[in-house]
Structure formats: structure tokens, C-alpha cells
Amino acid sequence: MKKEDLLSDEFLKQFKTGEDLNGFLAQLQKRGIEAILSGELDSHLGYEKHEKTISSNARNGFSNKKIKTSFGESEIQVPYTFPYNPLYRCLS
């Protein structure tokens, strides 16, 4: 889906109330934050998810964190590495 498609009248018709729209925007923000964190980890490790590497620093799953956003409280999945990666300590 192109970004322009998100602004089409047909797409926006599905939101009948402000609550519907806010729920969608909250999910969009949550997924955006998770994608940004994943991209930061790609950059930090020097390789993308599922790529082979010779580094001893590797992805090792996710931890769940609650954050407060403009849309209220949200629970996101924060990727982490093994050995421990202090890059994400600020989200603890």
C-alpha cells in the first residue's frame, strides 16, 4: 500500500467515529515505533534480521515494554541482543 492510499476517501470511510480513527492511529504509532527500534538494531549490529553474520552479538528475541504516547499507554515489543545490549537500557 502506498502512503497516498492512506489518505484516499475510500480508505478513510472505514472510520465511523473519532474512537475508530484514534484506535487506528495508536496501532500505526505502535507499529512505527517497533519498526524504528528494529531498524536501529539493524544499524547497531551491522546486519539485517535473518542475515548470516560472524559477529558474537546476535538478536535474541523481544521484551515487552509499556510506553506512554499521545494516544495513551501502549505495549511494544523491543528487540534485544545477546550478549546484553545497553543501547536499549533506556527503555527498561
N, C-alpha and C. Protein backbone atom coordinates (compact mmCIF):
# COMPACT_ATOMS: atom_id res chain seq x y z
N MET A 1 0.85 -1.17 0.00
CA MET A 1 0.00 0.00 0.00
C MET A 1 0.90 1.24 0.00
N LYS A 2 0.57 2.17 -0.83
CA LYS A 2 1.31 3.43 -0.91
C LYS A 2 0.82 4.38 0.18
N LYS A 3 1.68 5.30 0.57
CA LYS A 3 1.28 6.29 1.58
C LYS A 3 0.05 7.08 1.12
N GLU A 4 -0.01 7.36 -0.18
CA GLU A 4 -1.13 8.15 -0.71
C GLU A 4 -2.46 7.41 -0.52
N ASP A 5 -2.41 6.06 -0.52
CA ASP A 5 -3.63 5.28 -0.35
C ASP A 5 -4.24 5.48 1.04
N LEU A 6 -3.41 5.81 2.03
CA LEU A 6 -3.92 6.03 3.37
C LEU A 6 -4.75 7.31 3.47
N LEU A 7 -4.61 8.17 2.50
CA LEU A 7 -5.35 9.43 2.52
C LEU A 7 -6.55 9.42 1.58
N SER A 8 -6.80 8.30 0.92
CA SER A 8 -7.93 8.24 -0.01
C SER A 8 -9.25 8.24 0.75
N ASP A 9 -10.28 8.79 0.11
CA ASP A 9 -11.61 8.82 0.72
C ASP A 9 -12.11 7.42 1.01
N GLU A 10 -11.83 6.49 0.10
CA GLU A 10 -12.29 5.11 0.29
C GLU A 10 -11.69 4.49 1.55
N PHE A 11 -10.41 4.71 1.77
CA PHE A 11 -9.77 4.17 2.97
C PHE A 11 -10.33 4.83 4.23
N LEU A 12 -10.49 6.14 4.20
CA LEU A 12 -10.93 6.88 5.39
C LEU A 12 -12.39 6.63 5.74
N LYS A 13 -13.20 6.15 4.80
CA LYS A 13 -14.61 5.88 5.06
C LYS A 13 -14.82 4.80 6.11
N GLN A 14 -13.82 3.95 6.33
CA GLN A 14 -13.97 2.87 7.29
C GLN A 14 -14.04 3.37 8.74
N PHE A 15 -13.59 4.60 8.98
CA PHE A 15 -13.61 5.15 10.32
C PHE A 15 -14.91 5.90 10.54
N LYS A 16 -15.77 5.32 11.34
CA LYS A 16 -17.10 5.89 11.56
C LYS A 16 -17.12 6.86 12.73
N THR A 17 -16.17 6.71 13.67
CA THR A 17 -16.13 7.58 14.84
C THR A 17 -14.70 8.04 15.09
N GLY A 18 -14.57 9.05 15.92
CA GLY A 18 -13.25 9.51 16.33
C GLY A 18 -12.49 8.41 17.06
N GLU A 19 -13.21 7.58 17.79
CA GLU A 19 -12.60 6.46 18.51
C GLU A 19 -11.99 5.46 17.52
N ASP A 20 -12.70 5.19 16.43
CA ASP A 20 -12.17 4.29 15.39
C ASP A 20 -10.86 4.84 14.83
N LEU A 21 -10.85 6.12 14.53
CA LEU A 21 -9.66 6.76 13.96
C LEU A 21 -8.51 6.76 14.96
N ASN A 22 -8.79 7.11 16.21
CA ASN A 22 -7.74 7.12 17.23
C ASN A 22 -7.18 5.72 17.48
N GLY A 23 -8.01 4.70 17.42
CA GLY A 23 -7.53 3.32 17.58
C GLY A 23 -6.58 2.95 16.46
N PHE A 24 -6.94 3.34 15.24
CA PHE A 24 -6.07 3.07 14.09
C PHE A 24 -4.75 3.82 14.22
N LEU A 25 -4.81 5.10 14.59
CA LEU A 25 -3.59 5.89 14.72
C LEU A 25 -2.68 5.37 15.84
N ALA A 26 -3.28 4.87 16.92
CA ALA A 26 -2.49 4.29 18.02
C ALA A 26 -1.75 3.04 17.53
N GLN A 27 -2.44 2.19 16.77
CA GLN A 27 -1.79 0.99 16.22
C GLN A 27 -0.70 1.36 15.22
N LEU A 28 -0.95 2.37 14.41
CA LEU A 28 0.05 2.83 13.45
C LEU A 28 1.29 3.35 14.17
N GLN A 29 1.07 4.11 15.24
CA GLN A 29 2.20 4.63 16.02
C GLN A 29 2.97 3.48 16.67
N LYS A 30 2.28 2.51 17.25
CA LYS A 30 2.91 1.35 17.90
C LYS A 30 3.79 0.60 16.91
N ARG A 31 3.23 0.29 15.75
CA ARG A 31 3.99 -0.46 14.74
C ARG A 31 5.14 0.35 14.19
N GLY A 32 4.97 1.67 14.08
CA GLY A 32 6.05 2.54 13.62
C GLY A 32 7.20 2.55 14.61
N ILE A 33 6.89 2.65 15.89
CA ILE A 33 7.94 2.64 16.92
C ILE A 33 8.69 1.32 16.90
N GLU A 34 7.98 0.21 16.78
CA GLU A 34 8.63 -1.11 16.74
C GLU A 34 9.52 -1.23 15.50
N ALA A 35 9.08 -0.71 14.37
CA ALA A 35 9.89 -0.76 13.14
C ALA A 35 11.14 0.10 13.29
N ILE A 36 11.02 1.24 13.93
CA ILE A 36 12.18 2.11 14.15
C ILE A 36 13.20 1.42 15.05
N LEU A 37 12.73 0.79 16.13
CA LEU A 37 13.64 0.09 17.04
C LEU A 37 14.34 -1.06 16.33
N SER A 38 13.62 -1.77 15.49
CA SER A 38 14.21 -2.87 14.73
C SER A 38 15.27 -2.33 13.76
N GLY A 39 14.98 -1.21 13.12
CA GLY A 39 15.94 -0.59 12.21
C GLY A 39 17.18 -0.11 12.93
N GLU A 40 17.00 0.44 14.14
CA GLU A 40 18.15 0.87 14.94
C GLU A 40 19.04 -0.32 15.30
N LEU A 41 18.40 -1.45 15.62
CA LEU A 41 19.17 -2.65 15.96
C LEU A 41 19.92 -3.16 14.73
N ASP A 42 19.28 -3.12 13.55
CA ASP A 42 19.97 -3.49 12.30
C ASP A 42 21.23 -2.65 12.14
N SER A 43 21.10 -1.35 12.36
CA SER A 43 22.22 -0.44 12.20
C SER A 43 23.31 -0.71 13.24
N HIS A 44 22.90 -0.94 14.47
CA HIS A 44 23.85 -1.19 15.56
C HIS A 44 24.63 -2.49 15.33
N LEU A 45 23.94 -3.54 14.90
CA LEU A 45 24.59 -4.83 14.70
C LEU A 45 25.35 -4.88 13.38
N GLY A 46 24.93 -4.07 12.41
CA GLY A 46 25.60 -4.06 11.11
C GLY A 46 25.05 -5.08 10.13
N TYR A 47 23.91 -5.68 10.44
CA TYR A 47 23.27 -6.62 9.52
C TYR A 47 21.77 -6.65 9.81
N GLU A 48 20.99 -7.03 8.80
CA GLU A 48 19.54 -7.09 8.95
C GLU A 48 19.10 -8.42 9.52
N LYS A 49 17.88 -8.45 10.02
CA LYS A 49 17.30 -9.66 10.59
C LYS A 49 17.36 -10.79 9.56
N HIS A 50 17.72 -11.97 10.00
CA HIS A 50 17.81 -13.22 9.22
C HIS A 50 19.05 -13.28 8.33
N GLU A 51 19.92 -12.27 8.35
CA GLU A 51 21.18 -12.35 7.61
C GLU A 51 22.20 -13.12 8.45
N LYS A 52 23.05 -13.87 7.78
CA LYS A 52 24.12 -14.58 8.49
C LYS A 52 25.21 -13.58 8.85
N THR A 53 25.85 -13.84 10.00
CA THR A 53 26.92 -12.97 10.46
C THR A 53 27.94 -13.77 11.25
N ILE A 54 29.13 -13.22 11.34
CA ILE A 54 30.17 -13.87 12.15
C ILE A 54 30.29 -13.19 13.51
N SER A 55 29.51 -12.17 13.74
CA SER A 55 29.53 -11.43 15.00
C SER A 55 29.00 -12.29 16.14
N SER A 56 29.54 -12.10 17.33
CA SER A 56 29.03 -12.80 18.51
C SER A 56 27.80 -12.09 19.07
N ASN A 57 27.56 -10.88 18.62
CA ASN A 57 26.41 -10.11 19.05
C ASN A 57 25.24 -10.45 18.13
N ALA A 58 24.21 -11.07 18.66
CA ALA A 58 23.11 -11.54 17.82
C ALA A 58 21.76 -11.20 18.42
N ARG A 59 20.76 -11.15 17.56
CA ARG A 59 19.39 -10.93 18.03
C ARG A 59 18.97 -12.11 18.88
N ASN A 60 18.20 -11.80 19.93
CA ASN A 60 17.81 -12.87 20.82
C ASN A 60 16.37 -12.73 21.27
N GLY A 61 15.54 -12.14 20.46
CA GLY A 61 14.12 -12.05 20.79
C GLY A 61 13.66 -10.65 21.10
N PHE A 62 12.58 -10.59 21.87
CA PHE A 62 11.93 -9.34 22.20
C PHE A 62 11.58 -9.31 23.68
N SER A 63 11.49 -8.11 24.21
CA SER A 63 10.91 -7.94 25.54
C SER A 63 9.75 -6.96 25.38
N ASN A 64 8.73 -7.12 26.20
CA ASN A 64 7.58 -6.24 26.14
C ASN A 64 7.78 -5.07 27.09
N LYS A 65 7.48 -3.88 26.59
CA LYS A 65 7.61 -2.66 27.38
C LYS A 65 6.35 -1.83 27.22
N LYS A 66 5.90 -1.23 28.33
CA LYS A 66 4.78 -0.30 28.27
C LYS A 66 5.33 1.10 28.13
N ILE A 67 4.76 1.85 27.18
CA ILE A 67 5.16 3.23 26.98
C ILE A 67 3.92 4.12 26.98
N LYS A 68 4.12 5.37 27.31
CA LYS A 68 3.04 6.35 27.27
C LYS A 68 3.23 7.21 26.03
N THR A 69 2.18 7.31 25.22
CA THR A 69 2.23 8.08 23.99
C THR A 69 1.08 9.09 23.99
N SER A 70 1.01 9.87 22.95
CA SER A 70 -0.09 10.83 22.82
C SER A 70 -1.44 10.13 22.66
N PHE A 71 -1.42 8.84 22.36
CA PHE A 71 -2.66 8.06 22.23
C PHE A 71 -2.93 7.22 23.47
N GLY A 72 -2.19 7.43 24.54
CA GLY A 72 -2.36 6.67 25.77
C GLY A 72 -1.23 5.66 25.94
N GLU A 73 -1.45 4.73 26.86
CA GLU A 73 -0.44 3.72 27.13
C GLU A 73 -0.49 2.64 26.06
N SER A 74 0.70 2.16 25.67
CA SER A 74 0.80 1.14 24.64
C SER A 74 1.88 0.15 25.04
N GLU A 75 1.70 -1.10 24.68
CA GLU A 75 2.72 -2.11 24.93
C GLU A 75 3.41 -2.44 23.61
N ILE A 76 4.74 -2.26 23.59
CA ILE A 76 5.50 -2.52 22.38
C ILE A 76 6.48 -3.66 22.62
N GLN A 77 6.94 -4.27 21.53
CA GLN A 77 7.97 -5.30 21.60
C GLN A 77 9.30 -4.66 21.23
N VAL A 78 10.26 -4.73 22.16
CA VAL A 78 11.58 -4.14 21.96
C VAL A 78 12.56 -5.27 21.67
N PRO A 79 13.22 -5.24 20.51
CA PRO A 79 14.19 -6.29 20.20
C PRO A 79 15.43 -6.16 21.08
N TYR A 80 16.02 -7.30 21.43
CA TYR A 80 17.26 -7.24 22.20
C TYR A 80 18.27 -8.22 21.63
N THR A 81 19.50 -8.08 22.10
CA THR A 81 20.59 -8.89 21.57
C THR A 81 21.24 -9.69 22.69
N PHE A 82 22.03 -10.65 22.28
CA PHE A 82 22.86 -11.39 23.21
C PHE A 82 24.28 -11.33 22.69
N PRO A 83 25.26 -10.95 23.43
CA PRO A 83 25.17 -10.55 24.83
C PRO A 83 24.37 -9.28 25.01
N TYR A 84 24.06 -8.97 26.27
CA TYR A 84 23.23 -7.82 26.64
C TYR A 84 23.64 -6.57 25.88
N ASN A 85 22.64 -5.85 25.36
CA ASN A 85 22.88 -4.64 24.59
C ASN A 85 22.43 -3.42 25.39
N PRO A 86 23.36 -2.62 25.88
CA PRO A 86 22.97 -1.44 26.68
C PRO A 86 22.29 -0.35 25.87
N LEU A 87 22.26 -0.47 24.53
CA LEU A 87 21.61 0.52 23.68
C LEU A 87 20.15 0.73 24.08
N TYR A 88 19.49 -0.34 24.53
CA TYR A 88 18.06 -0.26 24.83
C TYR A 88 17.78 -0.18 26.32
N ARG A 89 18.79 0.07 27.12
CA ARG A 89 18.63 0.16 28.56
C ARG A 89 17.66 1.27 28.94
N CYS A 90 17.64 2.35 28.16
CA CYS A 90 16.77 3.48 28.48
C CYS A 90 15.28 3.11 28.41
N LEU A 91 14.92 2.00 27.76
CA LEU A 91 13.52 1.59 27.65
C LEU A 91 13.11 0.65 28.78
N SER A 92 14.02 0.29 29.66
CA SER A 92 13.70 -0.63 30.76
C SER A 92 12.79 -0.02 31.77
